[in-house]
Amino acid sequence: METQRLVLPEDLNHLGFLFGGRLLAWVDEACWIAASLDFPHCQFVTVGMDKVEFHHSVREGAILSIRCEMEREGKTSVTYRVEVIDRRSPGSPPIFGTQVTYVSVDDAGKKSAIR
């Protein structure tokens, strides 16, 4: 799955760069949507994100592409590989990449099978 985000003034810190936390929220949301579309009968919660390392800064007006691809499916969890690139800088290295893991839970918050 792939989604785009436009970096707006409200997404920036006091130095004019994209807040890291804003990007992490977008990544979590995009991967959660991918998981929910792949397993529509499940209720997912985020378990974790692997290494969080930003490779370069992002300024206002950047159009970010967030690409999520399923990497591993377990009994109650699923992991997605995600990569964020700047669409206006073709060929440049990714801004960010990680793995995000979700667990399926029932209404009581207990783990439940995804299949």
Protein backbone atom coordinates (compact mmCIF):
# COMPACT_ATOMS: atom_id res chain seq x y z
CA MET A 1 0.00 0.00 0.00
CA GLU A 2 1.19 3.51 -0.68
CA THR A 3 -0.09 6.87 0.50
CA GLN A 4 1.10 10.46 0.08
CA ARG A 5 1.41 13.32 2.56
CA LEU A 6 2.01 17.00 1.91
CA VAL A 7 4.21 18.63 4.56
CA LEU A 8 2.38 21.77 5.73
CA PRO A 9 3.47 24.60 8.09
CA GLU A 10 1.69 22.99 11.05
CA ASP A 11 3.86 19.87 10.60
CA LEU A 12 7.09 21.81 11.21
CA ASN A 13 9.16 22.47 14.31
CA HIS A 14 10.50 25.90 15.32
CA LEU A 15 13.48 25.48 12.94
CA GLY A 16 11.27 24.83 9.90
CA PHE A 17 11.83 21.07 9.66
CA LEU A 18 9.24 18.28 9.81
CA PHE A 19 8.60 17.06 13.37
CA GLY A 20 9.91 13.51 13.71
CA GLY A 21 6.88 12.56 15.78
CA ARG A 22 4.54 13.73 13.02
CA LEU A 23 6.30 11.46 10.52
CA LEU A 24 6.12 8.52 12.96
CA ALA A 25 2.37 9.09 13.38
CA TRP A 26 1.89 9.11 9.58
CA VAL A 27 3.94 5.90 9.26
CA ASP A 28 1.94 4.19 12.02
CA GLU A 29 -1.35 5.25 10.46
CA ALA A 30 -0.36 4.14 6.94
CA CYS A 31 0.79 0.71 8.12
CA TRP A 32 -2.28 0.29 10.34
CA ILE A 33 -4.47 0.98 7.30
CA ALA A 34 -2.51 -1.59 5.28
CA ALA A 35 -2.95 -4.20 8.04
CA SER A 36 -6.65 -3.41 8.38
CA LEU A 37 -7.18 -3.79 4.64
CA ASP A 38 -5.18 -7.05 4.52
CA PHE A 39 -7.07 -8.46 7.55
CA PRO A 40 -10.42 -6.63 7.63
CA HIS A 41 -11.87 -8.81 10.40
CA CYS A 42 -9.07 -7.89 12.87
CA GLN A 43 -8.69 -5.07 15.38
CA PHE A 44 -5.02 -4.10 15.40
CA VAL A 45 -2.95 -2.23 17.95
CA THR A 46 0.64 -1.16 17.46
CA VAL A 47 3.15 -3.34 19.29
CA GLY A 48 6.35 -1.66 18.17
CA MET A 49 8.49 0.06 15.63
CA ASP A 50 12.01 -1.11 14.93
CA LYS A 51 14.91 1.27 14.60
CA VAL A 52 13.83 4.90 14.35
CA GLU A 53 16.45 6.85 12.42
CA PHE A 54 15.78 9.81 10.15
CA HIS A 55 18.22 9.90 7.22
CA HIS A 56 17.73 13.55 6.26
CA SER A 57 15.54 16.54 7.05
CA VAL A 58 12.25 17.47 5.40
CA ARG A 59 10.98 20.99 4.68
CA GLU A 60 7.55 22.49 4.05
CA GLY A 61 6.07 21.59 0.68
CA ALA A 62 7.67 18.17 0.44
CA ILE A 63 5.38 15.45 -0.88
CA LEU A 64 6.16 12.28 1.00
CA SER A 65 5.33 8.81 -0.24
CA ILE A 66 4.81 6.23 2.51
CA ARG A 67 5.09 2.67 1.19
CA CYS A 68 4.02 -0.26 3.39
CA GLU A 69 4.56 -3.90 2.51
CA MET A 70 3.76 -6.95 4.62
CA GLU A 71 6.97 -8.60 5.73
CA ARG A 72 5.88 -11.24 8.23
CA GLU A 73 2.62 -12.81 9.32
CA GLY A 74 2.40 -14.59 12.66
CA LYS A 75 -0.49 -16.25 14.48
CA THR A 76 -1.69 -13.05 16.19
CA SER A 77 0.63 -10.41 14.74
CA VAL A 78 1.74 -8.94 11.45
CA THR A 79 4.81 -6.88 10.57
CA TYR A 80 5.08 -4.31 7.77
CA ARG A 81 8.19 -2.88 6.18
CA VAL A 82 7.78 0.83 5.54
CA GLU A 83 9.82 3.31 3.53
CA VAL A 84 9.31 7.06 3.22
CA ILE A 85 10.63 8.94 0.21
CA ASP A 86 10.38 12.53 -1.03
CA ARG A 87 8.44 12.42 -4.31
CA ARG A 88 9.97 15.72 -5.41
CA SER A 89 13.50 14.31 -5.17
CA PRO A 90 13.48 11.25 -7.42
CA GLY A 91 16.46 8.99 -6.91
CA SER A 92 17.34 10.45 -3.52
CA PRO A 93 17.77 8.01 -0.63
CA PRO A 94 14.75 7.28 1.58
CA ILE A 95 14.03 9.75 4.36
CA PHE A 96 13.03 7.00 6.76
CA GLY A 97 12.51 3.25 6.89
CA THR A 98 11.54 0.78 9.60
CA GLN A 99 9.34 -2.19 10.45
CA VAL A 100 6.05 -1.75 12.30
CA THR A 101 4.38 -4.66 14.12
CA TYR A 102 0.71 -4.92 15.05
CA VAL A 103 -1.13 -7.46 17.16
CA SER A 104 -4.75 -8.42 16.67
CA VAL A 105 -6.88 -8.08 19.80
CA ASP A 106 -10.44 -8.98 20.73
CA ASP A 107 -12.93 -6.64 22.40
CA ALA A 108 -11.37 -7.41 25.80
CA GLY A 109 -7.90 -6.47 24.56
CA LYS A 110 -6.58 -10.05 24.48
CA LYS A 111 -4.56 -11.34 21.53
CA SER A 112 -6.60 -13.04 18.83
CA ALA A 113 -5.68 -15.02 15.74
CA ILE A 114 -5.47 -13.08 12.49
CA ARG A 115 -6.65 -16.02 10.38
